[in-house]
C-alpha atoms as a PDB file:
ATOM      1  CA  MET A   1     142.718 105.822 136.972  1.00  0.00           C
ATOM      2  CA  GLY A   2     139.001 104.716 137.534  1.00  0.00           C
ATOM      3  CA  ARG A   3     137.867 108.172 137.568  1.00  0.00           C
ATOM      4  CA  VAL A   4     139.456 108.535 133.922  1.00  0.00           C
ATOM      5  CA  TYR A   5     138.060 105.194 132.978  1.00  0.00           C
ATOM      6  CA  GLY A   6     134.497 106.179 133.804  1.00  0.00           C
ATOM      7  CA  ILE A   7     134.662 109.660 132.044  1.00  0.00           C
ATOM      8  CA  ALA A   8     135.859 107.890 128.860  1.00  0.00           C
ATOM      9  CA  ARG A   9     132.986 105.020 129.112  1.00  0.00           C
ATOM     10  CA  ARG A  10     130.420 108.032 129.529  1.00  0.00           C
ATOM     11  CA  LEU A  11     131.854 109.855 126.604  1.00  0.00           C
ATOM     12  CA  PHE A  12     132.127 106.947 124.524  1.00  0.00           C
ATOM     13  CA  ALA A  13     128.384 106.019 125.278  1.00  0.00           C
ATOM     14  CA  SER A  14     127.532 109.560 124.488  1.00  0.00           C
ATOM     15  CA  VAL A  15     129.153 109.555 120.914  1.00  0.00           C
ATOM     16  CA  PHE A  16     127.380 106.173 120.369  1.00  0.00           C
ATOM     17  CA  VAL A  17     123.937 107.437 121.387  1.00  0.00           C
ATOM     18  CA  SER A  18     124.534 110.532 119.134  1.00  0.00           C
ATOM     19  CA  VAL A  19     125.711 108.517 116.105  1.00  0.00           C
ATOM     20  CA  LEU A  20     122.784 106.183 116.622  1.00  0.00           C
ATOM     21  CA  LEU A  21     120.124 108.862 116.912  1.00  0.00           C
ATOM     22  CA  ALA A  22     121.450 110.550 113.659  1.00  0.00           C
ATOM     23  CA  ALA A  23     121.285 107.475 111.916  1.00  0.00           C
ATOM     24  CA  LEU A  24     117.655 106.687 112.927  1.00  0.00           C
ATOM     25  CA  LEU A  25     116.811 110.314 112.058  1.00  0.00           C
ATOM     26  CA  SER A  26     117.976 109.983 108.458  1.00  0.00           C
ATOM     27  CA  MET A  27     116.020 106.896 107.699  1.00  0.00           C
ATOM     28  CA  LEU A  28     112.632 108.849 108.519  1.00  0.00           C
ATOM     29  CA  PRO A  29     112.336 110.099 105.013  1.00  0.00           C
ATOM     30  CA  LEU A  30     112.744 106.371 103.634  1.00  0.00           C
ATOM     31  CA  LEU A  31     110.012 105.448 106.167  1.00  0.00           C
ATOM     32  CA  ASP A  32     107.631 108.330 104.833  1.00  0.00           C
ATOM     33  CA  GLN A  33     107.806 107.136 101.352  1.00  0.00           C
ATOM     34  CA  VAL A  34     106.980 103.651 102.380  1.00  0.00           C
ATOM     35  CA  ASN A  35     103.556 104.599 103.564  1.00  0.00           C
ATOM     36  CA  THR A  36     102.464 106.452 100.505  1.00  0.00           C
ATOM     37  CA  GLU A  37     100.211 104.000  98.781  1.00  0.00           C
ATOM     38  CA  LYS A  38      98.176 105.092  95.858  1.00  0.00           C
ATOM     39  CA  GLU A  39      96.947 108.325  97.496  1.00  0.00           C
ATOM     40  CA  VAL A  40      95.598 110.860  94.952  1.00  0.00           C
ATOM     41  CA  PRO A  41      95.796 114.199  96.250  1.00  0.00           C
ATOM     42  CA  ALA A  42      93.339 116.947  95.246  1.00  0.00           C
ATOM     43  CA  PHE A  43      95.983 119.364  94.594  1.00  0.00           C
ATOM     44  CA  GLY A  44      99.261 118.128  93.147  1.00  0.00           C
ATOM     45  CA  PRO A  45     102.548 119.722  91.976  1.00  0.00           C
ATOM     46  CA  SER A  46     102.328 122.251  89.167  1.00  0.00           C
ATOM     47  CA  GLY A  47     104.493 122.571  86.280  1.00  0.00           C
ATOM     48  CA  ASP A  48     103.405 118.900  85.247  1.00  0.00           C
ATOM     49  CA  ASP A  49     102.742 118.319  81.466  1.00  0.00           C
ATOM     50  CA  ARG A  50     100.243 115.652  82.135  1.00  0.00           C
ATOM     51  CA  LEU A  51      96.692 116.054  83.206  1.00  0.00           C
ATOM     52  CA  GLU A  52      95.815 113.609  85.929  1.00  0.00           C
ATOM     53  CA  ALA A  53      92.971 113.302  88.425  1.00  0.00           C
ATOM     54  CA  GLY A  54      95.522 114.420  91.110  1.00  0.00           C
ATOM     55  CA  ASN A  55      96.255 117.648  89.319  1.00  0.00           C
ATOM     56  CA  LEU A  56      93.010 118.438  87.657  1.00  0.00           C
ATOM     57  CA  VAL A  57      91.996 120.966  90.230  1.00  0.00           C
ATOM     58  CA  ASP A  58      95.274 122.907  90.248  1.00  0.00           C
ATOM     59  CA  PHE A  59      94.913 123.077  86.255  1.00  0.00           C
ATOM     60  CA  LEU A  60      91.343 124.500  86.368  1.00  0.00           C
ATOM     61  CA  VAL A  61      92.448 127.035  89.390  1.00  0.00           C
ATOM     62  CA  LYS A  62      95.537 128.116  87.219  1.00  0.00           C
ATOM     63  CA  GLU A  63      93.694 128.432  83.960  1.00  0.00           C
ATOM     64  CA  GLY A  64      90.288 129.418  84.934  1.00  0.00           C
ATOM     65  CA  GLU A  65      90.358 132.968  86.431  1.00  0.00           C
ATOM     66  CA  GLY A  66      87.084 134.015  84.790  1.00  0.00           C
ATOM     67  CA  TRP A  67      85.308 130.612  84.994  1.00  0.00           C
ATOM     68  CA  GLU A  68      83.234 128.827  87.639  1.00  0.00           C
ATOM     69  CA  TRP A  69      83.336 125.373  87.080  1.00  0.00           C
ATOM     70  CA  GLU A  70      80.207 123.143  88.024  1.00  0.00           C
ATOM     71  CA  ARG A  71      81.350 119.965  86.674  1.00  0.00           C
ATOM     72  CA  ALA A  72      84.596 118.452  85.423  1.00  0.00           C
ATOM     73  CA  ASP A  73      85.210 115.017  83.712  1.00  0.00           C
ATOM     74  CA  TRP A  74      88.562 113.614  82.925  1.00  0.00           C
ATOM     75  CA  ASN A  75      88.422 110.355  81.152  1.00  0.00           C
ATOM     76  CA  ASP A  76      91.161 108.850  79.107  1.00  0.00           C
ATOM     77  CA  GLY A  77      92.298 111.951  77.275  1.00  0.00           C
ATOM     78  CA  ARG A  78      88.947 113.614  77.002  1.00  0.00           C
ATOM     79  CA  LEU A  79      88.423 116.390  79.415  1.00  0.00           C
ATOM     80  CA  GLU A  80      84.790 117.660  79.564  1.00  0.00           C
ATOM     81  CA  LEU A  81      84.090 120.858  81.568  1.00  0.00           C
ATOM     82  CA  VAL A  82      80.616 122.515  82.194  1.00  0.00           C
ATOM     83  CA  GLY A  83      80.252 125.942  84.125  1.00  0.00           C
ATOM     84  CA  ARG A  84      79.872 129.501  83.936  1.00  0.00           C
ATOM     85  CA  TRP A  85      82.362 132.328  82.742  1.00  0.00           C
ATOM     86  CA  SER A  86      81.754 135.376  84.930  1.00  0.00           C
ATOM     87  CA  GLY A  87      84.578 137.772  83.604  1.00  0.00           C
ATOM     88  CA  SER A  88      84.103 141.492  83.000  1.00  0.00           C
ATOM     89  CA  SER A  89      84.393 142.180  79.424  1.00  0.00           C
ATOM     90  CA  SER A  90      82.361 140.510  76.515  1.00  0.00           C
ATOM     91  CA  ASP A  91      85.283 139.631  74.562  1.00  0.00           C
ATOM     92  CA  GLY A  92      87.193 138.194  77.553  1.00  0.00           C
ATOM     93  CA  VAL A  93      85.217 134.951  77.194  1.00  0.00           C
ATOM     94  CA  TYR A  94      86.928 134.074  73.990  1.00  0.00           C
ATOM     95  CA  GLU A  95      90.625 135.227  75.329  1.00  0.00           C
ATOM     96  CA  ASP A  96      89.945 132.852  78.208  1.00  0.00           C
ATOM     97  CA  LEU A  97      88.583 129.924  76.478  1.00  0.00           C
ATOM     98  CA  PHE A  98      91.606 130.102  73.782  1.00  0.00           C
ATOM     99  CA  ARG A  99      93.975 130.281  76.876  1.00  0.00           C
ATOM    100  CA  LEU A 100      92.203 127.186  78.418  1.00  0.00           C
ATOM    101  CA  THR A 101      92.169 125.314  74.926  1.00  0.00           C
ATOM    102  CA  ARG A 102      95.947 126.196  74.330  1.00  0.00           C
ATOM    103  CA  SER A 103      96.811 124.868  77.782  1.00  0.00           C
ATOM    104  CA  ALA A 104      94.586 121.845  77.572  1.00  0.00           C
ATOM    105  CA  LEU A 105      95.781 120.851  73.877  1.00  0.00           C
ATOM    106  CA  VAL A 106      99.324 122.341  73.658  1.00  0.00           C
ATOM    107  CA  TYR A 107     100.778 122.485  77.146  1.00  0.00           C
ATOM    108  CA  THR A 108      99.781 119.182  78.348  1.00  0.00           C
ATOM    109  CA  ALA A 109     100.912 115.992  76.817  1.00  0.00           C
ATOM    110  CA  ASN A 110      97.880 113.618  77.268  1.00  0.00           C
ATOM    111  CA  VAL A 111      94.758 115.886  76.563  1.00  0.00           C
ATOM    112  CA  GLU A 112      93.338 114.819  73.251  1.00  0.00           C
ATOM    113  CA  GLU A 113      90.051 116.188  73.274  1.00  0.00           C
ATOM    114  CA  LEU A 114      88.484 119.297  75.143  1.00  0.00           C
ATOM    115  CA  HIS A 115      84.750 119.700  75.522  1.00  0.00           C
ATOM    116  CA  VAL A 116      83.451 123.001  77.073  1.00  0.00           C
ATOM    117  CA  SER A 117      79.835 124.068  77.862  1.00  0.00           C
ATOM    118  CA  ALA A 118      79.551 127.229  79.519  1.00  0.00           C
ATOM    119  CA  THR A 119      76.818 130.089  80.079  1.00  0.00           C
ATOM    120  CA  VAL A 120      78.220 133.532  79.920  1.00  0.00           C
ATOM    121  CA  GLY A 121      77.648 135.833  82.913  1.00  0.00           C
ATOM    122  CA  ASP A 122      73.877 136.349  83.844  1.00  0.00           C
ATOM    123  CA  SER A 123      72.898 136.448  79.990  1.00  0.00           C
ATOM    124  CA  THR A 124      70.949 133.748  78.328  1.00  0.00           C
ATOM    125  CA  LYS A 125      74.253 133.062  75.848  1.00  0.00           C
ATOM    126  CA  ILE A 126      75.452 129.442  75.822  1.00  0.00           C
ATOM    127  CA  LEU A 127      78.976 128.878  74.459  1.00  0.00           C
ATOM    128  CA  VAL A 128      79.853 125.211  73.661  1.00  0.00           C
ATOM    129  CA  LEU A 129      83.680 124.160  72.389  1.00  0.00           C
ATOM    130  CA  ARG A 130      84.558 121.069  71.115  1.00  0.00           C
ATOM    131  CA  ALA A 131      88.358 120.860  70.212  1.00  0.00           C
ATOM    132  CA  SER A 132      90.754 118.140  69.703  1.00  0.00           C
ATOM    133  CA  ARG A 133      94.567 117.959  69.479  1.00  0.00           C
ATOM    134  CA  GLN A 134      94.050 116.590  65.719  1.00  0.00           C
ATOM    135  CA  GLN A 135      92.417 120.151  64.955  1.00  0.00           C
ATOM    136  CA  LEU A 136      95.347 121.950  65.555  1.00  0.00           C
ATOM    137  CA  GLY A 137      96.734 121.114  61.972  1.00  0.00           C
ATOM    138  CA  HIS A 138      99.890 123.187  61.211  1.00  0.00           C
ATOM    139  CA  ASP A 139      99.673 125.409  64.293  1.00  0.00           C
ATOM    140  CA  THR A 140     100.287 123.098  66.785  1.00  0.00           C
ATOM    141  CA  GLN A 141     101.562 125.575  69.229  1.00  0.00           C
ATOM    142  CA  MET A 142      98.302 127.599  68.731  1.00  0.00           C
ATOM    143  CA  GLU A 143     100.424 130.752  68.132  1.00  0.00           C
ATOM    144  CA  ASN A 144      97.758 132.426  65.782  1.00  0.00           C
ATOM    145  CA  GLY A 145     100.283 133.914  63.500  1.00  0.00           C
ATOM    146  CA  THR A 146      97.189 134.781  61.177  1.00  0.00           C
ATOM    147  CA  GLY A 147      96.241 137.390  63.796  1.00  0.00           C
ATOM    148  CA  PHE A 148      92.730 136.288  64.077  1.00  0.00           C
ATOM    149  CA  THR A 149      90.808 137.408  67.156  1.00  0.00           C
ATOM    150  CA  PRO A 150      90.331 134.524  69.685  1.00  0.00           C
ATOM    151  CA  GLN A 151      86.773 134.165  68.879  1.00  0.00           C
ATOM    152  CA  GLU A 152      87.735 133.922  65.082  1.00  0.00           C
ATOM    153  CA  TYR A 153      90.738 131.466  65.868  1.00  0.00           C
ATOM    154  CA  LEU A 154      88.231 129.166  67.844  1.00  0.00           C
ATOM    155  CA  GLN A 155      85.559 129.249  65.422  1.00  0.00           C
ATOM    156  CA  ARG A 156      87.847 128.406  62.242  1.00  0.00           C
ATOM    157  CA  ASN A 157      89.966 125.930  63.821  1.00  0.00           C
ATOM    158  CA  PHE A 158      87.501 124.056  66.238  1.00  0.00           C
ATOM    159  CA  HIS A 159      83.765 123.598  66.706  1.00  0.00           C
ATOM    160  CA  LEU A 160      82.516 126.513  68.771  1.00  0.00           C
ATOM    161  CA  THR A 161      78.934 127.483  68.859  1.00  0.00           C
ATOM    162  CA  VAL A 162      77.324 130.157  70.429  1.00  0.00           C
ATOM    163  CA  ALA A 163      73.536 130.327  71.025  1.00  0.00           C
ATOM    164  CA  ASP A 164      70.780 131.923  73.099  1.00  0.00           C
ATOM    165  CA  ARG A 165      69.353 129.515  75.781  1.00  0.00           C
ATOM    166  CA  ASP A 166      65.781 129.108  75.485  1.00  0.00           C
ATOM    167  CA  ASP A 167      64.254 129.545  79.063  1.00  0.00           C
END
Protein backbone atom coordinates (compact mmCIF):
# COMPACT_ATOMS: atom_id res chain seq x y z
CA MET A 1 0.00 0.00 0.00
CA GLY A 2 2.85 2.37 0.80
CA ARG A 3 4.35 1.80 -2.59
CA VAL A 4 1.11 2.68 -4.42
CA TYR A 5 0.73 5.73 -2.18
CA GLY A 6 4.26 6.90 -3.12
CA ILE A 7 3.60 6.46 -6.85
CA ALA A 8 0.30 8.35 -6.57
CA ARG A 9 1.99 11.17 -4.69
CA ARG A 10 4.72 11.48 -7.35
CA LEU A 11 2.15 11.34 -10.15
CA PHE A 12 0.09 14.08 -8.47
CA ALA A 13 3.22 16.21 -8.00
CA SER A 14 4.16 15.77 -11.69
CA VAL A 15 0.70 16.79 -12.87
CA PHE A 16 0.69 19.79 -10.51
CA VAL A 17 4.12 20.97 -11.71
CA SER A 18 3.05 20.55 -15.37
CA VAL A 19 -0.12 22.60 -14.89
CA LEU A 20 1.81 25.28 -12.99
CA LEU A 21 4.46 25.45 -15.73
CA ALA A 22 1.79 25.75 -18.46
CA ALA A 23 0.07 28.55 -16.53
CA LEU A 24 3.34 30.45 -16.12
CA LEU A 25 4.22 30.10 -19.80
CA SER A 26 0.81 31.44 -20.82
CA MET A 27 1.56 34.63 -18.86
CA LEU A 28 4.74 35.46 -20.83
CA PRO A 29 2.92 37.46 -23.56
CA LEU A 30 1.26 39.59 -20.87
CA LEU A 31 4.63 40.33 -19.29
CA ASP A 32 6.03 41.33 -22.67
CA GLN A 33 3.20 43.83 -23.23
CA VAL A 34 3.91 45.51 -19.90
CA ASN A 35 7.52 46.26 -20.90
CA THR A 36 6.70 48.11 -24.14
CA GLU A 37 6.70 51.73 -23.00
CA LYS A 38 6.54 54.40 -25.70
CA GLU A 39 9.11 52.74 -27.94
CA VAL A 40 9.09 54.04 -31.51
CA PRO A 41 10.50 51.45 -33.91
CA ALA A 42 12.32 52.56 -37.04
CA PHE A 43 10.34 50.03 -39.06
CA GLY A 44 6.65 49.64 -38.28
CA PRO A 45 3.95 47.33 -39.57
CA SER A 46 2.88 47.98 -43.13
CA GLY A 47 -0.69 48.53 -44.23
CA ASP A 48 -1.28 51.36 -41.79
CA ASP A 49 -3.26 54.28 -43.19
CA ARG A 50 -1.65 56.83 -40.88
CA LEU A 51 1.84 58.18 -41.39
CA GLU A 52 3.78 58.44 -38.15
CA ALA A 53 7.41 58.64 -37.06
CA GLY A 54 7.40 54.88 -36.53
CA ASN A 55 6.40 53.96 -40.09
CA LEU A 56 7.95 56.83 -42.08
CA VAL A 57 10.91 54.70 -43.16
CA ASP A 58 8.59 51.92 -44.33
CA PHE A 59 6.50 54.41 -46.29
CA LEU A 60 9.54 55.86 -48.05
CA VAL A 61 11.02 52.45 -48.86
CA LYS A 62 7.70 51.19 -50.21
CA GLU A 63 6.97 54.25 -52.32
CA GLY A 64 10.46 55.33 -53.27
CA GLU A 65 11.91 52.80 -55.66
CA GLY A 66 13.69 55.40 -57.79
CA TRP A 67 14.35 57.85 -54.95
CA GLU A 68 17.37 58.43 -52.75
CA TRP A 69 16.19 60.51 -49.81
CA GLU A 70 18.61 62.83 -48.05
CA ARG A 71 16.11 64.25 -45.60
CA ALA A 72 12.57 63.46 -44.52
CA ASP A 73 10.68 65.67 -42.09
CA TRP A 74 7.29 64.71 -40.69
CA ASN A 75 5.57 67.40 -38.67
CA ASP A 76 1.87 67.62 -37.83
CA GLY A 77 0.40 66.61 -41.19
CA ARG A 78 3.21 67.96 -43.34
CA LEU A 79 5.69 65.63 -45.05
CA GLU A 80 8.77 67.31 -46.49
CA LEU A 81 11.21 65.27 -48.57
CA VAL A 82 14.55 66.28 -50.04
CA GLY A 83 16.47 63.92 -52.25
CA ARG A 84 17.49 62.72 -55.66
CA TRP A 85 15.64 60.69 -58.26
CA SER A 86 17.87 58.19 -60.03
CA GLY A 87 15.48 56.17 -62.16
CA SER A 88 16.14 55.05 -65.70
CA SER A 89 13.65 56.86 -67.96
CA SER A 90 13.20 60.60 -68.19
CA ASP A 91 9.41 60.40 -67.74
CA GLY A 92 9.75 57.94 -64.87
CA VAL A 93 10.37 60.73 -62.38
CA TYR A 94 6.85 62.06 -62.96
CA GLU A 95 5.29 58.60 -62.69
CA ASP A 96 7.13 57.98 -59.41
CA LEU A 97 6.27 61.46 -58.13
CA PHE A 98 2.60 60.91 -59.03
CA ARG A 99 2.64 57.56 -57.20
CA LEU A 100 4.34 59.11 -54.16
CA THR A 101 1.85 61.99 -54.08
CA ARG A 102 -1.10 59.62 -54.40
CA SER A 103 0.21 57.41 -51.61
CA ALA A 104 0.75 60.38 -49.32
CA LEU A 105 -2.47 62.30 -49.96
CA VAL A 106 -4.94 59.53 -50.83
CA TYR A 107 -3.80 56.38 -49.03
CA THR A 108 -2.90 57.99 -45.72
CA ALA A 109 -5.42 59.65 -43.45
CA ASN A 110 -3.21 62.27 -41.86
CA VAL A 111 -0.91 63.74 -44.53
CA GLU A 112 -2.30 67.17 -45.38
CA GLU A 113 0.70 68.59 -47.27
CA LEU A 114 3.52 67.06 -49.28
CA HIS A 115 6.62 69.03 -50.25
CA VAL A 116 9.24 67.33 -52.42
CA SER A 117 12.50 68.90 -53.60
CA ALA A 118 14.71 66.68 -55.71
CA THR A 119 17.44 66.71 -58.27
CA VAL A 120 16.90 64.43 -61.23
CA GLY A 121 19.71 62.00 -61.92
CA ASP A 122 23.11 63.53 -62.56
CA SER A 123 21.59 66.45 -64.44
CA THR A 124 21.15 69.96 -63.22
CA LYS A 125 17.36 69.67 -63.27
CA ILE A 126 15.60 70.47 -59.98
CA LEU A 127 12.05 69.39 -59.35
CA VAL A 128 9.90 70.97 -56.62
CA LEU A 129 6.39 69.79 -55.79
CA ARG A 130 4.05 71.37 -53.26
CA ALA A 131 0.81 69.45 -52.92
CA SER A 132 -1.98 69.48 -50.39
CA ARG A 133 -5.05 67.37 -49.78
CA GLN A 134 -7.23 70.46 -50.40
CA GLN A 135 -5.92 70.70 -53.97
CA LEU A 136 -7.34 67.30 -54.87
CA GLY A 137 -10.72 68.91 -55.61
CA HIS A 138 -13.18 66.50 -57.21
CA ASP A 139 -10.54 63.88 -58.00
CA THR A 140 -10.07 62.83 -54.36
CA GLN A 141 -8.64 59.43 -55.33
CA MET A 142 -6.25 60.86 -57.96
CA GLU A 143 -7.70 58.51 -60.57
CA ASN A 144 -6.72 60.84 -63.44
CA GLY A 145 -9.92 60.20 -65.39
CA THR A 146 -8.98 62.98 -67.80
CA GLY A 147 -6.07 60.96 -69.17
CA PHE A 148 -3.32 63.49 -68.50
CA THR A 149 0.26 62.30 -68.33
CA PRO A 150 1.61 62.18 -64.77
CA GLN A 151 3.57 65.38 -65.42
CA GLU A 152 0.50 67.20 -66.77
CA TYR A 153 -1.65 65.96 -63.89
CA LEU A 154 0.85 67.17 -61.28
CA GLN A 155 1.25 70.55 -63.01
CA ARG A 156 -2.50 71.12 -63.36
CA ASN A 157 -3.51 70.05 -59.85
CA PHE A 158 -0.54 70.99 -57.67
CA HIS A 159 2.42 73.36 -57.68
CA LEU A 160 5.10 71.58 -59.72
CA THR A 161 8.20 73.49 -60.73
CA VAL A 162 10.98 72.10 -62.88
CA ALA A 163 14.05 74.29 -63.24
CA ASP A 164 17.72 74.11 -64.12
CA ARG A 165 20.04 74.40 -61.17
CA ASP A 166 22.58 77.22 -61.30
CA ASP A 167 26.00 75.86 -60.33
